[in-house]
Amino acid sequence: GTMMAVPSNAQTPTSGAASVVLFYADWCGSCKILQPKLKQAMSNVKSSKINLVVLDMTDEESKAKASDLADKKGLSNIYQSYAPKTGMAILVDGRGTEVGQLKKNQSVADMESALNELDSGQS
């Protein structure tokens, strides 16, 4: 089979893209409900300008990696505000400002509308 061509914009997130920051841990029951819903909502939102950033709080090693990742993505303020809490996804606009949160009890449709709103705020 031939390789699918990857659109050039799929390579690296540009700064100025919105992010959904999921605070996850293997032991977090809420995450196991939230994550599939969030993935479903993101796949239903056609725009790919939103980056999903998963910050794993499972153990010290994964926390250190999560902290580094947050730094690289310009999200260390979000990391510091919430870690090591888990079970929520923080909506962050292209300026790195928190604009909302998604929780496990929200429907996929609710998440989609929040993501669409987040995305439409992008220039």
Protein backbone atom coordinates (compact mmCIF):
# COMPACT_ATOMS: atom_id res chain seq x y z
CA GLY A 1 0.00 0.00 0.00
CA THR A 2 1.14 3.55 -0.60
CA MET A 3 1.93 5.84 2.28
CA MET A 4 -0.71 8.43 2.98
CA ALA A 5 0.59 11.90 2.42
CA VAL A 6 0.64 13.81 5.68
CA PRO A 7 -0.45 17.44 5.32
CA SER A 8 2.43 19.73 6.12
CA ASN A 9 0.48 21.39 8.93
CA ALA A 10 0.30 18.10 10.80
CA GLN A 11 4.00 18.07 11.61
CA THR A 12 4.61 20.52 14.42
CA PRO A 13 2.19 22.57 16.45
CA THR A 14 2.84 26.23 15.88
CA SER A 15 2.83 28.53 18.82
CA GLY A 16 -0.44 30.35 18.87
CA ALA A 17 -2.45 27.17 18.51
CA ALA A 18 -4.98 26.39 21.21
CA SER A 19 -4.36 23.43 23.47
CA VAL A 20 -6.38 20.98 25.47
CA VAL A 21 -4.28 19.96 28.45
CA LEU A 22 -5.36 16.64 29.93
CA PHE A 23 -4.16 15.89 33.45
CA TYR A 24 -4.01 12.11 33.40
CA ALA A 25 -2.87 9.26 35.63
CA ASP A 26 -3.12 5.49 35.31
CA TRP A 27 -4.84 5.30 38.69
CA CYS A 28 -7.32 8.08 37.92
CA GLY A 29 -10.85 6.74 37.47
CA SER A 30 -12.19 10.03 36.12
CA CYS A 31 -9.52 10.04 33.41
CA LYS A 32 -10.72 6.70 32.09
CA ILE A 33 -14.13 8.29 31.50
CA LEU A 34 -12.88 11.68 30.36
CA GLN A 35 -10.14 10.63 27.94
CA PRO A 36 -12.26 8.58 25.48
CA LYS A 37 -14.94 11.29 25.45
CA LEU A 38 -12.32 13.95 24.85
CA LYS A 39 -10.72 11.97 22.02
CA GLN A 40 -14.14 11.44 20.46
CA ALA A 41 -14.96 15.14 20.73
CA MET A 42 -11.60 16.14 19.25
CA SER A 43 -12.01 13.79 16.33
CA ASN A 44 -15.46 15.26 15.67
CA VAL A 45 -14.11 18.80 15.64
CA LYS A 46 -12.79 19.10 12.14
CA SER A 47 -10.12 21.67 12.81
CA SER A 48 -6.75 20.27 13.75
CA LYS A 49 -5.43 23.53 15.13
CA ILE A 50 -6.04 22.37 18.68
CA ASN A 51 -3.19 20.43 20.27
CA LEU A 52 -3.97 17.70 22.76
CA VAL A 53 -1.31 17.71 25.46
CA VAL A 54 -1.47 14.84 27.93
CA LEU A 55 0.30 15.47 31.23
CA ASP A 56 0.78 12.15 33.01
CA MET A 57 0.77 12.35 36.81
CA THR A 58 1.01 8.59 37.38
CA ASP A 59 4.39 8.63 39.15
CA GLU A 60 7.43 10.82 39.81
CA GLU A 61 9.05 9.92 36.51
CA SER A 62 5.97 10.68 34.43
CA LYS A 63 5.44 13.93 36.40
CA ALA A 64 8.96 15.04 35.53
CA LYS A 65 8.28 14.31 31.85
CA ALA A 66 4.96 16.11 32.06
CA SER A 67 6.64 19.15 33.57
CA ASP A 68 9.21 19.21 30.73
CA LEU A 69 6.47 18.81 28.14
CA ALA A 70 4.46 21.65 29.69
CA ASP A 71 7.57 23.85 29.55
CA LYS A 72 8.17 23.05 25.89
CA LYS A 73 4.56 23.83 25.03
CA GLY A 74 4.54 27.07 27.00
CA LEU A 75 2.07 25.59 29.47
CA SER A 76 4.11 25.55 32.66
CA ASN A 77 1.71 28.00 34.31
CA ILE A 78 -1.16 25.57 33.67
CA TYR A 79 0.96 22.68 34.96
CA GLN A 80 1.81 24.54 38.13
CA SER A 81 -1.81 25.53 38.72
CA TYR A 82 -3.15 21.98 38.62
CA ALA A 83 -0.50 19.30 39.03
CA PRO A 84 -0.65 16.78 40.55
CA LYS A 85 -4.45 16.86 40.33
CA THR A 86 -5.93 14.75 37.53
CA GLY A 87 -9.21 14.06 35.82
CA MET A 88 -9.74 17.35 34.02
CA ALA A 89 -8.80 18.84 30.70
CA ILE A 90 -7.89 22.51 30.66
CA LEU A 91 -8.74 24.56 27.56
CA VAL A 92 -5.95 26.98 26.73
CA ASP A 93 -6.14 29.57 23.98
CA GLY A 94 -3.31 30.51 21.62
CA ARG A 95 -2.02 33.09 24.09
CA GLY A 96 -1.59 30.44 26.77
CA THR A 97 -4.58 31.71 28.76
CA GLU A 98 -6.88 29.23 30.42
CA VAL A 99 -10.37 29.67 29.03
CA GLY A 100 -12.23 26.68 30.40
CA GLN A 101 -12.21 23.12 31.66
CA LEU A 102 -13.69 19.83 30.55
CA LYS A 103 -14.75 17.23 33.11
CA LYS A 104 -15.81 13.60 32.86
CA ASN A 105 -19.50 14.36 33.44
CA GLN A 106 -19.80 16.53 30.35
CA SER A 107 -21.24 14.98 27.22
CA VAL A 108 -19.19 14.58 24.05
CA ALA A 109 -21.48 17.19 22.46
CA ASP A 110 -20.70 19.68 25.24
CA MET A 111 -17.00 19.05 24.79
CA GLU A 112 -17.30 19.54 21.05
CA SER A 113 -19.00 22.89 21.42
CA ALA A 114 -16.32 24.01 23.89
CA LEU A 115 -13.61 22.88 21.45
CA ASN A 116 -15.30 24.64 18.56
CA GLU A 117 -15.48 27.81 20.60
CA LEU A 118 -11.82 27.45 21.55
CA ASP A 119 -10.89 26.89 17.92
CA SER A 120 -12.92 29.79 16.58
CA GLY A 121 -10.98 32.06 18.92
CA GLN A 122 -7.85 31.26 16.90
CA SER A 123 -6.69 33.74 14.31
